[in-house]
Amino acid sequence: AVSCISSSGGSRNYADSVKGRFTMSRDNAKNTFYLQMN
């Protein structure tokens, strides 16, 4: 696992190996979600 977001958006979790570097987001209007990796 890398990351997850609950349906409500209220819970977000990241694996320790990617914390501070990766950001997950969701855009329900576009029916799309993303993983920004820095």
PDB file of all heavy atoms in Angstrom:
ATOM      1  N   ALA A   1       0.826  -1.197   0.000  1.00  0.00           N
ATOM      2  CA  ALA A   1       0.000   0.000   0.000  1.00  0.00           C
ATOM      3  C   ALA A   1       0.863   1.251   0.000  1.00  0.00           C
ATOM      4  O   ALA A   1       1.929   1.296   0.611  1.00  0.00           O
ATOM      5  CB  ALA A   1      -0.923   0.001   1.215  1.00  0.00           C
ATOM      6  N   VAL A   2       0.392   2.283  -0.677  1.00  0.00           N
ATOM      7  CA  VAL A   2       1.046   3.581  -0.721  1.00  0.00           C
ATOM      8  C   VAL A   2       0.228   4.620   0.036  1.00  0.00           C
ATOM      9  O   VAL A   2       0.749   5.348   0.886  1.00  0.00           O
ATOM     10  CB  VAL A   2       1.274   4.045  -2.169  1.00  0.00           C
ATOM     11  CG1 VAL A   2       1.818   5.471  -2.208  1.00  0.00           C
ATOM     12  CG2 VAL A   2       2.219   3.093  -2.892  1.00  0.00           C
ATOM     13  N   SER A   3      -1.065   4.694  -0.270  1.00  0.00           N
ATOM     14  CA  SER A   3      -1.915   5.731   0.309  1.00  0.00           C
ATOM     15  C   SER A   3      -3.377   5.383   0.117  1.00  0.00           C
ATOM     16  O   SER A   3      -3.726   4.593  -0.769  1.00  0.00           O
ATOM     17  CB  SER A   3      -1.606   7.081  -0.359  1.00  0.00           C
ATOM     18  OG  SER A   3      -2.390   8.121   0.178  1.00  0.00           O
ATOM     19  N   CYS A   4      -4.248   5.974   0.935  1.00  0.00           N
ATOM     20  CA  CYS A   4      -5.683   5.817   0.746  1.00  0.00           C
ATOM     21  C   CYS A   4      -6.410   7.058   1.233  1.00  0.00           C
ATOM     22  O   CYS A   4      -5.882   7.846   2.023  1.00  0.00           O
ATOM     23  CB  CYS A   4      -6.222   4.561   1.450  1.00  0.00           C
ATOM     24  SG  CYS A   4      -6.135   4.571   3.260  1.00  0.00           S
ATOM     25  N   ILE A   5      -7.642   7.243   0.739  1.00  0.00           N
ATOM     26  CA  ILE A   5      -8.553   8.288   1.182  1.00  0.00           C
ATOM     27  C   ILE A   5      -9.932   7.674   1.324  1.00  0.00           C
ATOM     28  O   ILE A   5     -10.394   6.953   0.439  1.00  0.00           O
ATOM     29  CB  ILE A   5      -8.633   9.475   0.198  1.00  0.00           C
ATOM     30  CG1 ILE A   5      -7.245  10.074  -0.068  1.00  0.00           C
ATOM     31  CG2 ILE A   5      -9.570  10.562   0.733  1.00  0.00           C
ATOM     32  CD1 ILE A   5      -7.256  11.197  -1.093  1.00  0.00           C
ATOM     33  N   SER A   6     -10.618   7.962   2.423  1.00  0.00           N
ATOM     34  CA  SER A   6     -11.963   7.451   2.632  1.00  0.00           C
ATOM     35  C   SER A   6     -12.951   8.147   1.705  1.00  0.00           C
ATOM     36  O   SER A   6     -12.651   9.176   1.099  1.00  0.00           O
ATOM     37  CB  SER A   6     -12.383   7.645   4.090  1.00  0.00           C
ATOM     38  OG  SER A   6     -12.427   9.026   4.422  1.00  0.00           O
ATOM     39  N   SER A   7     -14.152   7.575   1.593  1.00  0.00           N
ATOM     40  CA  SER A   7     -15.164   8.146   0.706  1.00  0.00           C
ATOM     41  C   SER A   7     -15.529   9.570   1.090  1.00  0.00           C
ATOM     42  O   SER A   7     -15.783  10.407   0.214  1.00  0.00           O
ATOM     43  CB  SER A   7     -16.414   7.264   0.693  1.00  0.00           C
ATOM     44  OG  SER A   7     -16.953   7.131   1.999  1.00  0.00           O
ATOM     45  N   SER A   8     -15.549   9.859   2.379  1.00  0.00           N
ATOM     46  CA  SER A   8     -15.871  11.196   2.858  1.00  0.00           C
ATOM     47  C   SER A   8     -14.700  12.165   2.733  1.00  0.00           C
ATOM     48  O   SER A   8     -14.884  13.378   2.842  1.00  0.00           O
ATOM     49  CB  SER A   8     -16.312  11.140   4.317  1.00  0.00           C
ATOM     50  OG  SER A   8     -15.234  10.784   5.157  1.00  0.00           O
ATOM     51  N   GLY A   9     -13.509  11.634   2.530  1.00  0.00           N
ATOM     52  CA  GLY A   9     -12.308  12.453   2.526  1.00  0.00           C
ATOM     53  C   GLY A   9     -11.772  12.744   3.906  1.00  0.00           C
ATOM     54  O   GLY A   9     -10.744  13.411   4.043  1.00  0.00           O
ATOM     55  N   GLY A  10     -12.460  12.246   4.935  1.00  0.00           N
ATOM     56  CA  GLY A  10     -12.083  12.542   6.300  1.00  0.00           C
ATOM     57  C   GLY A  10     -10.876  11.780   6.806  1.00  0.00           C
ATOM     58  O   GLY A  10     -10.247  12.194   7.787  1.00  0.00           O
ATOM     59  N   SER A  11     -10.562  10.665   6.184  1.00  0.00           N
ATOM     60  CA  SER A  11      -9.410   9.865   6.586  1.00  0.00           C
ATOM     61  C   SER A  11      -8.430   9.756   5.431  1.00  0.00           C
ATOM     62  O   SER A  11      -8.816   9.402   4.314  1.00  0.00           O
ATOM     63  CB  SER A  11      -9.847   8.465   7.027  1.00  0.00           C
ATOM     64  OG  SER A  11     -10.658   8.526   8.186  1.00  0.00           O
ATOM     65  N   ARG A  12      -7.173  10.059   5.708  1.00  0.00           N
ATOM     66  CA  ARG A  12      -6.094   9.939   4.733  1.00  0.00           C
ATOM     67  C   ARG A  12      -4.906   9.291   5.414  1.00  0.00           C
ATOM     68  O   ARG A  12      -4.530   9.672   6.520  1.00  0.00           O
ATOM     69  CB  ARG A  12      -5.683  11.309   4.188  1.00  0.00           C
ATOM     70  CG  ARG A  12      -6.778  12.027   3.418  1.00  0.00           C
ATOM     71  CD  ARG A  12      -6.419  13.480   3.193  1.00  0.00           C
ATOM     72  NE  ARG A  12      -7.467  14.183   2.463  1.00  0.00           N
ATOM     73  CZ  ARG A  12      -7.413  14.500   1.175  1.00  0.00           C
ATOM     74  NH1 ARG A  12      -6.349  14.189   0.452  1.00  0.00           N
ATOM     75  NH2 ARG A  12      -8.427  15.137   0.598  1.00  0.00           N
ATOM     76  N   ASN A  13      -4.320   8.314   4.743  1.00  0.00           N
ATOM     77  CA  ASN A  13      -3.173   7.626   5.314  1.00  0.00           C
ATOM     78  C   ASN A  13      -2.119   7.376   4.251  1.00  0.00           C
ATOM     79  O   ASN A  13      -2.437   7.195   3.074  1.00  0.00           O
ATOM     80  CB  ASN A  13      -3.594   6.298   5.953  1.00  0.00           C
ATOM     81  CG  ASN A  13      -4.353   6.490   7.250  1.00  0.00           C
ATOM     82  OD1 ASN A  13      -3.779   6.923   8.249  1.00  0.00           O
ATOM     83  ND2 ASN A  13      -5.636   6.167   7.245  1.00  0.00           N
ATOM     84  N   TYR A  14      -0.857   7.370   4.689  1.00  0.00           N
ATOM     85  CA  TYR A  14       0.271   7.135   3.808  1.00  0.00           C
ATOM     86  C   TYR A  14       1.209   6.109   4.427  1.00  0.00           C
ATOM     87  O   TYR A  14       1.366   6.052   5.649  1.00  0.00           O
ATOM     88  CB  TYR A  14       1.066   8.419   3.569  1.00  0.00           C
ATOM     89  CG  TYR A  14       0.322   9.489   2.826  1.00  0.00           C
ATOM     90  CD1 TYR A  14      -0.455  10.422   3.501  1.00  0.00           C
ATOM     91  CD2 TYR A  14       0.401   9.581   1.447  1.00  0.00           C
ATOM     92  CE1 TYR A  14      -1.142  11.410   2.827  1.00  0.00           C
ATOM     93  CE2 TYR A  14      -0.279  10.572   0.758  1.00  0.00           C
ATOM     94  CZ  TYR A  14      -1.045  11.483   1.453  1.00  0.00           C
ATOM     95  OH  TYR A  14      -1.719  12.472   0.766  1.00  0.00           O
ATOM     96  N   ALA A  15       1.838   5.325   3.568  1.00  0.00           N
ATOM     97  CA  ALA A  15       2.905   4.460   4.037  1.00  0.00           C
ATOM     98  C   ALA A  15       4.061   5.312   4.535  1.00  0.00           C
ATOM     99  O   ALA A  15       4.324   6.400   4.011  1.00  0.00           O
ATOM    100  CB  ALA A  15       3.372   3.541   2.908  1.00  0.00           C
ATOM    101  N   ASP A  16       4.767   4.830   5.559  1.00  0.00           N
ATOM    102  CA  ASP A  16       5.876   5.594   6.126  1.00  0.00           C
ATOM    103  C   ASP A  16       6.928   5.944   5.076  1.00  0.00           C
ATOM    104  O   ASP A  16       7.557   7.005   5.140  1.00  0.00           O
ATOM    105  CB  ASP A  16       6.534   4.806   7.260  1.00  0.00           C
ATOM    106  CG  ASP A  16       5.668   4.735   8.502  1.00  0.00           C
ATOM    107  OD1 ASP A  16       4.722   5.542   8.631  1.00  0.00           O
ATOM    108  OD2 ASP A  16       5.940   3.870   9.354  1.00  0.00           O
ATOM    109  N   SER A  17       7.119   5.069   4.110  1.00  0.00           N
ATOM    110  CA  SER A  17       8.160   5.260   3.116  1.00  0.00           C
ATOM    111  C   SER A  17       7.905   6.443   2.177  1.00  0.00           C
ATOM    112  O   SER A  17       8.836   6.919   1.523  1.00  0.00           O
ATOM    113  CB  SER A  17       8.339   3.984   2.282  1.00  0.00           C
ATOM    114  OG  SER A  17       7.132   3.633   1.633  1.00  0.00           O
ATOM    115  N   VAL A  18       6.659   6.920   2.108  1.00  0.00           N
ATOM    116  CA  VAL A  18       6.330   8.005   1.183  1.00  0.00           C
ATOM    117  C   VAL A  18       5.830   9.258   1.881  1.00  0.00           C
ATOM    118  O   VAL A  18       5.601  10.279   1.213  1.00  0.00           O
ATOM    119  CB  VAL A  18       5.297   7.563   0.127  1.00  0.00           C
ATOM    120  CG1 VAL A  18       5.762   6.294  -0.583  1.00  0.00           C
ATOM    121  CG2 VAL A  18       3.921   7.359   0.752  1.00  0.00           C
ATOM    122  N   LYS A  19       5.663   9.227   3.193  1.00  0.00           N
ATOM    123  CA  LYS A  19       5.165  10.394   3.927  1.00  0.00           C
ATOM    124  C   LYS A  19       6.073  11.603   3.709  1.00  0.00           C
ATOM    125  O   LYS A  19       7.290  11.503   3.787  1.00  0.00           O
ATOM    126  CB  LYS A  19       5.070  10.088   5.420  1.00  0.00           C
ATOM    127  CG  LYS A  19       3.904   9.215   5.804  1.00  0.00           C
ATOM    128  CD  LYS A  19       3.864   8.972   7.306  1.00  0.00           C
ATOM    129  CE  LYS A  19       2.687   8.095   7.686  1.00  0.00           C
ATOM    130  NZ  LYS A  19       2.676   7.789   9.136  1.00  0.00           N
ATOM    131  N   GLY A  20       5.450  12.735   3.433  1.00  0.00           N
ATOM    132  CA  GLY A  20       6.188  13.957   3.195  1.00  0.00           C
ATOM    133  C   GLY A  20       6.645  14.130   1.767  1.00  0.00           C
ATOM    134  O   GLY A  20       7.102  15.216   1.394  1.00  0.00           O
ATOM    135  N   ARG A  21       6.549  13.081   0.963  1.00  0.00           N
ATOM    136  CA  ARG A  21       6.977  13.146  -0.430  1.00  0.00           C
ATOM    137  C   ARG A  21       5.816  12.967  -1.409  1.00  0.00           C
ATOM    138  O   ARG A  21       5.796  13.601  -2.460  1.00  0.00           O
ATOM    139  CB  ARG A  21       8.036  12.080  -0.724  1.00  0.00           C
ATOM    140  CG  ARG A  21       9.293  12.214   0.124  1.00  0.00           C
ATOM    141  CD  ARG A  21      10.391  11.266  -0.353  1.00  0.00           C
ATOM    142  NE  ARG A  21       9.990   9.864  -0.262  1.00  0.00           N
ATOM    143  CZ  ARG A  21       9.863   9.050  -1.313  1.00  0.00           C
ATOM    144  NH1 ARG A  21      10.114   9.496  -2.535  1.00  0.00           N
ATOM    145  NH2 ARG A  21       9.505   7.790  -1.133  1.00  0.00           N
ATOM    146  N   PHE A  22       4.872  12.100  -1.072  1.00  0.00           N
ATOM    147  CA  PHE A  22       3.728  11.816  -1.941  1.00  0.00           C
ATOM    148  C   PHE A  22       2.469  12.454  -1.365  1.00  0.00           C
ATOM    149  O   PHE A  22       2.290  12.504  -0.143  1.00  0.00           O
ATOM    150  CB  PHE A  22       3.483  10.312  -2.063  1.00  0.00           C
ATOM    151  CG  PHE A  22       4.535   9.557  -2.838  1.00  0.00           C
ATOM    152  CD1 PHE A  22       5.732  10.140  -3.215  1.00  0.00           C
ATOM    153  CD2 PHE A  22       4.307   8.232  -3.183  1.00  0.00           C
ATOM    154  CE1 PHE A  22       6.696   9.433  -3.921  1.00  0.00           C
ATOM    155  CE2 PHE A  22       5.259   7.514  -3.892  1.00  0.00           C
ATOM    156  CZ  PHE A  22       6.450   8.112  -4.260  1.00  0.00           C
ATOM    157  N   THR A  23       1.579  12.906  -2.237  1.00  0.00           N
ATOM    158  CA  THR A  23       0.307  13.473  -1.832  1.00  0.00           C
ATOM    159  C   THR A  23      -0.807  12.877  -2.685  1.00  0.00           C
ATOM    160  O   THR A  23      -0.757  12.947  -3.911  1.00  0.00           O
ATOM    161  CB  THR A  23       0.287  15.003  -1.976  1.00  0.00           C
ATOM    162  OG1 THR A  23       1.341  15.578  -1.197  1.00  0.00           O
ATOM    163  CG2 THR A  23      -1.044  15.558  -1.492  1.00  0.00           C
ATOM    164  N   MET A  24      -1.805  12.303  -2.025  1.00  0.00           N
ATOM    165  CA  MET A  24      -2.954  11.751  -2.722  1.00  0.00           C
ATOM    166  C   MET A  24      -4.124  12.723  -2.626  1.00  0.00           C
ATOM    167  O   MET A  24      -4.310  13.380  -1.601  1.00  0.00           O
ATOM    168  CB  MET A  24      -3.342  10.400  -2.119  1.00  0.00           C
ATOM    169  CG  MET A  24      -4.452   9.692  -2.858  1.00  0.00           C
ATOM    170  SD  MET A  24      -4.847   8.086  -2.098  1.00  0.00           S
ATOM    171  CE  MET A  24      -6.201   7.566  -3.158  1.00  0.00           C
ATOM    172  N   SER A  25      -4.913  12.812  -3.689  1.00  0.00           N
ATOM    173  CA  SER A  25      -6.084  13.677  -3.690  1.00  0.00           C
ATOM    174  C   SER A  25      -7.182  13.047  -4.542  1.00  0.00           C
ATOM    175  O   SER A  25      -6.918  12.136  -5.339  1.00  0.00           O
ATOM    176  CB  SER A  25      -5.738  15.071  -4.214  1.00  0.00           C
ATOM    177  OG  SER A  25      -5.258  15.017  -5.547  1.00  0.00           O
ATOM    178  N   ARG A  26      -8.415  13.529  -4.359  1.00  0.00           N
ATOM    179  CA  ARG A  26      -9.520  13.049  -5.172  1.00  0.00           C
ATOM    180  C   ARG A  26     -10.355  14.224  -5.654  1.00  0.00           C
ATOM    181  O   ARG A  26     -10.509  15.229  -4.954  1.00  0.00           O
ATOM    182  CB  ARG A  26     -10.383  12.033  -4.404  1.00  0.00           C
ATOM    183  CG  ARG A  26     -11.128  12.576  -3.188  1.00  0.00           C
ATOM    184  CD  ARG A  26     -11.782  11.448  -2.381  1.00  0.00           C
ATOM    185  NE  ARG A  26     -12.724  10.679  -3.181  1.00  0.00           N
ATOM    186  CZ  ARG A  26     -13.218   9.492  -2.817  1.00  0.00           C
ATOM    187  NH1 ARG A  26     -12.847   8.934  -1.670  1.00  0.00           N
ATOM    188  NH2 ARG A  26     -14.075   8.869  -3.610  1.00  0.00           N
ATOM    189  N   ASP A  27     -10.891  14.096  -6.856  1.00  0.00           N
ATOM    190  CA  ASP A  27     -11.756  15.103  -7.445  1.00  0.00           C
ATOM    191  C   ASP A  27     -13.000  14.379  -7.924  1.00  0.00           C
ATOM    192  O   ASP A  27     -13.043  13.859  -9.041  1.00  0.00           O
ATOM    193  CB  ASP A  27     -11.055  15.822  -8.594  1.00  0.00           C
ATOM    194  CG  ASP A  27     -11.854  17.000  -9.122  1.00  0.00           C
ATOM    195  OD1 ASP A  27     -13.073  17.061  -8.888  1.00  0.00           O
ATOM    196  OD2 ASP A  27     -11.249  17.873  -9.781  1.00  0.00           O
ATOM    197  N   ASN A  28     -14.008  14.330  -7.066  1.00  0.00           N
ATOM    198  CA  ASN A  28     -15.213  13.571  -7.396  1.00  0.00           C
ATOM    199  C   ASN A  28     -15.957  14.146  -8.595  1.00  0.00           C
ATOM    200  O   ASN A  28     -16.611  13.403  -9.333  1.00  0.00           O
ATOM    201  CB  ASN A  28     -16.142  13.500  -6.184  1.00  0.00           C
ATOM    202  CG  ASN A  28     -15.615  12.587  -5.097  1.00  0.00           C
ATOM    203  OD1 ASN A  28     -14.676  11.824  -5.303  1.00  0.00           O
ATOM    204  ND2 ASN A  28     -16.223  12.666  -3.916  1.00  0.00           N
ATOM    205  N   ALA A  29     -15.863  15.457  -8.804  1.00  0.00           N
ATOM    206  CA  ALA A  29     -16.522  16.074  -9.947  1.00  0.00           C
ATOM    207  C   ALA A  29     -15.979  15.532 -11.257  1.00  0.00           C
ATOM    208  O   ALA A  29     -16.693  15.453 -12.256  1.00  0.00           O
ATOM    209  CB  ALA A  29     -16.378  17.593  -9.898  1.00  0.00           C
ATOM    210  N   LYS A  30     -14.690  15.176 -11.269  1.00  0.00           N
ATOM    211  CA  LYS A  30     -14.054  14.608 -12.455  1.00  0.00           C
ATOM    212  C   LYS A  30     -14.002  13.091 -12.415  1.00  0.00           C
ATOM    213  O   LYS A  30     -13.505  12.469 -13.354  1.00  0.00           O
ATOM    214  CB  LYS A  30     -12.638  15.159 -12.612  1.00  0.00           C
ATOM    215  CG  LYS A  30     -12.577  16.653 -12.863  1.00  0.00           C
ATOM    216  CD  LYS A  30     -11.144  17.111 -13.047  1.00  0.00           C
ATOM    217  CE  LYS A  30     -11.073  18.592 -13.339  1.00  0.00           C
ATOM    218  NZ  LYS A  30      -9.674  19.058 -13.497  1.00  0.00           N
ATOM    219  N   ASN A  31     -14.492  12.507 -11.315  1.00  0.00           N
ATOM    220  CA  ASN A  31     -14.458  11.061 -11.127  1.00  0.00           C
ATOM    221  C   ASN A  31     -13.037  10.524 -11.301  1.00  0.00           C
ATOM    222  O   ASN A  31     -12.811   9.490 -11.934  1.00  0.00           O
ATOM    223  CB  ASN A  31     -15.415  10.350 -12.091  1.00  0.00           C
ATOM    224  CG  ASN A  31     -16.176   9.213 -11.430  1.00  0.00           C
ATOM    225  OD1 ASN A  31     -16.435   9.231 -10.231  1.00  0.00           O
ATOM    226  ND2 ASN A  31     -16.542   8.212 -12.223  1.00  0.00           N
ATOM    227  N   THR A  32     -12.090  11.239 -10.715  1.00  0.00           N
ATOM    228  CA  THR A  32     -10.677  10.964 -10.887  1.00  0.00           C
ATOM    229  C   THR A  32      -9.945  11.175  -9.569  1.00  0.00           C
ATOM    230  O   THR A  32     -10.329  12.041  -8.787  1.00  0.00           O
ATOM    231  CB  THR A  32     -10.066  11.873 -11.963  1.00  0.00           C
ATOM    232  OG1 THR A  32     -10.772  11.694 -13.198  1.00  0.00           O
ATOM    233  CG2 THR A  32      -8.592  11.563 -12.196  1.00  0.00           C
ATOM    234  N   PHE A  33      -8.903  10.387  -9.320  1.00  0.00           N
ATOM    235  CA  PHE A  33      -8.033  10.683  -8.196  1.00  0.00           C
ATOM    236  C   PHE A  33      -6.578  10.597  -8.622  1.00  0.00           C
ATOM    237  O   PHE A  33      -6.256  10.080  -9.697  1.00  0.00           O
ATOM    238  CB  PHE A  33      -8.340   9.833  -6.952  1.00  0.00           C
ATOM    239  CG  PHE A  33      -8.278   8.341  -7.127  1.00  0.00           C
ATOM    240  CD1 PHE A  33      -7.162   7.626  -6.710  1.00  0.00           C
ATOM    241  CD2 PHE A  33      -9.361   7.635  -7.635  1.00  0.00           C
ATOM    242  CE1 PHE A  33      -7.115   6.246  -6.812  1.00  0.00           C
ATOM    243  CE2 PHE A  33      -9.325   6.255  -7.744  1.00  0.00           C
ATOM    244  CZ  PHE A  33      -8.197   5.560  -7.328  1.00  0.00           C
ATOM    245  N   TYR A  34      -5.692  11.143  -7.778  1.00  0.00           N
ATOM    246  CA  TYR A  34      -4.334  11.435  -8.190  1.00  0.00           C
ATOM    247  C   TYR A  34      -3.318  11.026  -7.130  1.00  0.00           C
ATOM    248  O   TYR A  34      -3.628  10.894  -5.950  1.00  0.00           O
ATOM    249  CB  TYR A  34      -4.167  12.936  -8.443  1.00  0.00           C
ATOM    250  CG  TYR A  34      -5.209  13.519  -9.357  1.00  0.00           C
ATOM    251  CD1 TYR A  34      -6.394  14.043  -8.848  1.00  0.00           C
ATOM    252  CD2 TYR A  34      -5.018  13.547 -10.732  1.00  0.00           C
ATOM    253  CE1 TYR A  34      -7.359  14.575  -9.682  1.00  0.00           C
ATOM    254  CE2 TYR A  34      -5.974  14.075 -11.577  1.00  0.00           C
ATOM    255  CZ  TYR A  34      -7.141  14.587 -11.047  1.00  0.00           C
ATOM    256  OH  TYR A  34      -8.092  15.116 -11.890  1.00  0.00           O
ATOM    257  N   LEU A  35      -2.090  10.868  -7.577  1.00  0.00           N
ATOM    258  CA  LEU A  35      -0.960  10.687  -6.676  1.00  0.00           C
ATOM    259  C   LEU A  35       0.179  11.571  -7.169  1.00  0.00           C
ATOM    260  O   LEU A  35       0.769  11.289  -8.216  1.00  0.00           O
ATOM    261  CB  LEU A  35      -0.507   9.223  -6.615  1.00  0.00           C
ATOM    262  CG  LEU A  35       0.616   8.924  -5.624  1.00  0.00           C
ATOM    263  CD1 LEU A  35       0.121   9.114  -4.187  1.00  0.00           C
ATOM    264  CD2 LEU A  35       1.151   7.509  -5.818  1.00  0.00           C
ATOM    265  N   GLN A  36       0.461  12.638  -6.437  1.00  0.00           N
ATOM    266  CA  GLN A  36       1.583  13.514  -6.749  1.00  0.00           C
ATOM    267  C   GLN A  36       2.817  12.980  -6.031  1.00  0.00           C
ATOM    268  O   GLN A  36       2.817  12.871  -4.805  1.00  0.00           O
ATOM    269  CB  GLN A  36       1.292  14.948  -6.312  1.00  0.00           C
ATOM    270  CG  GLN A  36       2.437  15.917  -6.555  1.00  0.00           C
ATOM    271  CD  GLN A  36       2.743  16.111  -8.017  1.00  0.00           C
ATOM    272  OE1 GLN A  36       1.835  16.304  -8.823  1.00  0.00           O
ATOM    273  NE2 GLN A  36       4.013  16.049  -8.381  1.00  0.00           N
ATOM    274  N   MET A  37       3.861  12.671  -6.785  1.00  0.00           N
ATOM    275  CA  MET A  37       5.065  12.074  -6.237  1.00  0.00           C
ATOM    276  C   MET A  37       6.225  13.043  -6.413  1.00  0.00           C
ATOM    277  O   MET A  37       6.609  13.360  -7.543  1.00  0.00           O
ATOM    278  CB  MET A  37       5.371  10.738  -6.919  1.00  0.00           C
ATOM    279  CG  MET A  37       4.229   9.732  -6.843  1.00  0.00           C
ATOM    280  SD  MET A  37       4.648   8.122  -7.569  1.00  0.00           S
ATOM    281  CE  MET A  37       4.801   8.599  -9.290  1.00  0.00           C
ATOM    282  N   ASN A  38       6.779  13.513  -5.304  1.00  0.00           N
ATOM    283  CA  ASN A  38       7.920  14.416  -5.308  1.00  0.00           C
ATOM    284  C   ASN A  38       9.122  13.750  -4.661  1.00  0.00           C
ATOM    285  O   ASN A  38       8.993  12.753  -3.956  1.00  0.00           O
ATOM    286  CB  ASN A  38       7.579  15.706  -4.557  1.00  0.00           C
ATOM    287  CG  ASN A  38       6.438  16.471  -5.166  1.00  0.00           C
ATOM    288  OD1 ASN A  38       6.280  16.491  -6.390  1.00  0.00           O
ATOM    289  ND2 ASN A  38       5.638  17.116  -4.327  1.00  0.00           N
TER     290      ASN A  38
END
